N, C-alpha and C. Protein backbone atom coordinates (compact mmCIF):
# COMPACT_ATOMS: atom_id res chain seq x y z
N MET A 1 -13.55 -5.79 -36.52
CA MET A 1 -12.85 -5.79 -35.24
C MET A 1 -12.91 -7.20 -34.65
N ASN A 2 -11.75 -7.80 -34.47
CA ASN A 2 -11.75 -9.12 -33.90
C ASN A 2 -11.45 -9.06 -32.39
N GLN A 3 -11.29 -10.21 -31.80
CA GLN A 3 -11.16 -10.28 -30.35
C GLN A 3 -9.86 -9.64 -29.86
N SER A 4 -8.79 -9.76 -30.60
CA SER A 4 -7.52 -9.18 -30.16
C SER A 4 -7.57 -7.65 -30.22
N ASP A 5 -8.30 -7.09 -31.17
CA ASP A 5 -8.46 -5.63 -31.23
C ASP A 5 -9.23 -5.12 -30.01
N VAL A 6 -10.28 -5.81 -29.66
CA VAL A 6 -11.08 -5.41 -28.49
C VAL A 6 -10.24 -5.52 -27.23
N PHE A 7 -9.47 -6.60 -27.10
CA PHE A 7 -8.60 -6.79 -25.94
C PHE A 7 -7.58 -5.66 -25.86
N PHE A 8 -6.99 -5.30 -26.99
CA PHE A 8 -6.02 -4.21 -27.03
C PHE A 8 -6.64 -2.89 -26.59
N LEU A 9 -7.81 -2.58 -27.06
CA LEU A 9 -8.48 -1.34 -26.68
C LEU A 9 -8.85 -1.32 -25.19
N VAL A 10 -9.30 -2.45 -24.68
CA VAL A 10 -9.64 -2.53 -23.25
C VAL A 10 -8.40 -2.34 -22.39
N MET A 11 -7.28 -2.94 -22.80
CA MET A 11 -6.05 -2.79 -22.02
C MET A 11 -5.54 -1.34 -22.05
N ILE A 12 -5.66 -0.69 -23.19
CA ILE A 12 -5.29 0.73 -23.27
C ILE A 12 -6.19 1.57 -22.36
N LEU A 13 -7.47 1.29 -22.35
CA LEU A 13 -8.41 2.02 -21.51
C LEU A 13 -8.09 1.83 -20.03
N ILE A 14 -7.80 0.60 -19.63
CA ILE A 14 -7.45 0.33 -18.23
C ILE A 14 -6.15 1.04 -17.86
N GLY A 15 -5.18 1.02 -18.74
CA GLY A 15 -3.90 1.69 -18.47
C GLY A 15 -4.05 3.19 -18.34
N LEU A 16 -4.82 3.80 -19.22
CA LEU A 16 -5.04 5.24 -19.13
C LEU A 16 -5.81 5.62 -17.88
N SER A 17 -6.79 4.80 -17.52
CA SER A 17 -7.55 5.08 -16.30
C SER A 17 -6.68 4.99 -15.06
N THR A 18 -5.83 3.99 -15.01
CA THR A 18 -4.92 3.83 -13.87
C THR A 18 -3.94 4.99 -13.79
N LEU A 19 -3.39 5.38 -14.92
CA LEU A 19 -2.46 6.51 -14.94
C LEU A 19 -3.14 7.80 -14.51
N THR A 20 -4.38 8.01 -14.94
CA THR A 20 -5.12 9.20 -14.55
C THR A 20 -5.37 9.23 -13.05
N VAL A 21 -5.73 8.10 -12.47
CA VAL A 21 -5.98 8.05 -11.02
C VAL A 21 -4.69 8.32 -10.25
N ILE A 22 -3.57 7.75 -10.68
CA ILE A 22 -2.30 7.96 -9.98
C ILE A 22 -1.89 9.43 -10.04
N VAL A 23 -1.99 10.04 -11.21
CA VAL A 23 -1.63 11.46 -11.35
C VAL A 23 -2.56 12.33 -10.51
N TRP A 24 -3.84 12.02 -10.50
CA TRP A 24 -4.80 12.79 -9.71
C TRP A 24 -4.48 12.71 -8.22
N GLN A 25 -4.13 11.52 -7.72
CA GLN A 25 -3.77 11.36 -6.32
C GLN A 25 -2.51 12.15 -5.98
N LEU A 26 -1.52 12.15 -6.87
CA LEU A 26 -0.30 12.90 -6.61
C LEU A 26 -0.56 14.40 -6.58
N VAL A 27 -1.36 14.89 -7.51
CA VAL A 27 -1.68 16.32 -7.54
C VAL A 27 -2.47 16.71 -6.30
N ARG A 28 -3.41 15.88 -5.90
CA ARG A 28 -4.23 16.18 -4.73
C ARG A 28 -3.40 16.18 -3.46
N SER A 29 -2.46 15.24 -3.32
CA SER A 29 -1.66 15.18 -2.10
C SER A 29 -0.65 16.32 -2.03
N ARG A 30 -0.17 16.81 -3.17
CA ARG A 30 0.78 17.92 -3.15
C ARG A 30 0.09 19.25 -2.88
N ARG A 31 -1.15 19.38 -3.28
CA ARG A 31 -1.86 20.63 -3.07
C ARG A 31 -2.11 20.85 -1.60
N GLY A 32 -2.75 19.92 -0.93
CA GLY A 32 -2.90 19.91 0.52
C GLY A 32 -3.49 21.17 1.12
N GLY A 33 -4.46 21.78 0.51
CA GLY A 33 -5.01 23.02 1.02
C GLY A 33 -6.14 22.82 2.00
N ARG A 34 -5.94 21.98 2.99
CA ARG A 34 -6.98 21.75 3.97
C ARG A 34 -6.79 22.70 5.14
N ASP A 35 -7.87 23.00 5.85
CA ASP A 35 -7.82 23.98 6.94
C ASP A 35 -7.75 23.36 8.32
N ASP A 36 -7.56 22.04 8.43
CA ASP A 36 -7.56 21.41 9.74
C ASP A 36 -6.17 21.30 10.35
N GLY A 37 -5.17 21.92 9.76
CA GLY A 37 -3.83 21.90 10.32
C GLY A 37 -2.97 20.75 9.86
N HIS A 38 -3.48 19.88 9.04
CA HIS A 38 -2.71 18.75 8.52
C HIS A 38 -2.48 18.97 7.04
N SER A 39 -1.35 18.45 6.56
CA SER A 39 -1.03 18.65 5.15
C SER A 39 -1.74 17.65 4.26
N GLY A 40 -2.27 16.57 4.82
CA GLY A 40 -3.02 15.63 4.02
C GLY A 40 -2.19 14.50 3.44
N ASN A 41 -0.93 14.40 3.82
CA ASN A 41 -0.10 13.31 3.32
C ASN A 41 -0.39 12.04 4.08
N TRP A 42 -0.32 10.90 3.40
CA TRP A 42 -0.71 9.65 4.02
C TRP A 42 0.27 9.21 5.10
N TRP A 43 1.53 9.69 5.02
CA TRP A 43 2.51 9.24 6.01
C TRP A 43 2.49 10.12 7.26
N GLU A 44 1.75 11.22 7.24
CA GLU A 44 1.67 12.08 8.41
C GLU A 44 0.37 11.80 9.14
N GLY A 45 0.45 10.94 10.09
CA GLY A 45 -0.75 10.55 10.82
C GLY A 45 -0.89 11.29 12.13
N PRO A 46 -1.82 10.89 12.96
CA PRO A 46 -2.04 11.57 14.24
C PRO A 46 -0.89 11.39 15.21
N TRP A 47 0.02 10.42 14.94
CA TRP A 47 1.15 10.21 15.85
C TRP A 47 2.14 11.37 15.79
N ASP A 48 2.08 12.21 14.75
CA ASP A 48 2.97 13.37 14.68
C ASP A 48 2.60 14.43 15.71
N ASP A 49 1.35 14.48 16.11
CA ASP A 49 0.91 15.48 17.09
C ASP A 49 1.43 15.16 18.49
N ASP A 50 1.74 13.90 18.77
CA ASP A 50 2.18 13.53 20.11
C ASP A 50 3.59 14.05 20.42
N ARG A 51 4.43 14.21 19.42
CA ARG A 51 5.79 14.64 19.65
C ARG A 51 5.91 16.14 19.84
N LYS A 52 4.86 16.90 19.56
CA LYS A 52 4.93 18.36 19.68
C LYS A 52 4.76 18.83 21.10
N ASN A 53 4.30 17.98 22.00
CA ASN A 53 4.05 18.39 23.39
C ASN A 53 5.30 18.31 24.23
C-alpha cells in the first residue's frame, strides 16, 4: 500500500462519513416527533409564534 492508496481510502472514508451525516440530519428533521409544539425545522424559529397572536 503506497501513499496514494492511503489517500484514496481516507478520501472515501471522509466522503461516506459526510454523506451519512447529511442523510441522518435530513431523516431527523423530517421525523420531527417532538412534544414541545415545534416541528424542529431550522427555518421555523421563535418568530413564527409572534404572528399567531
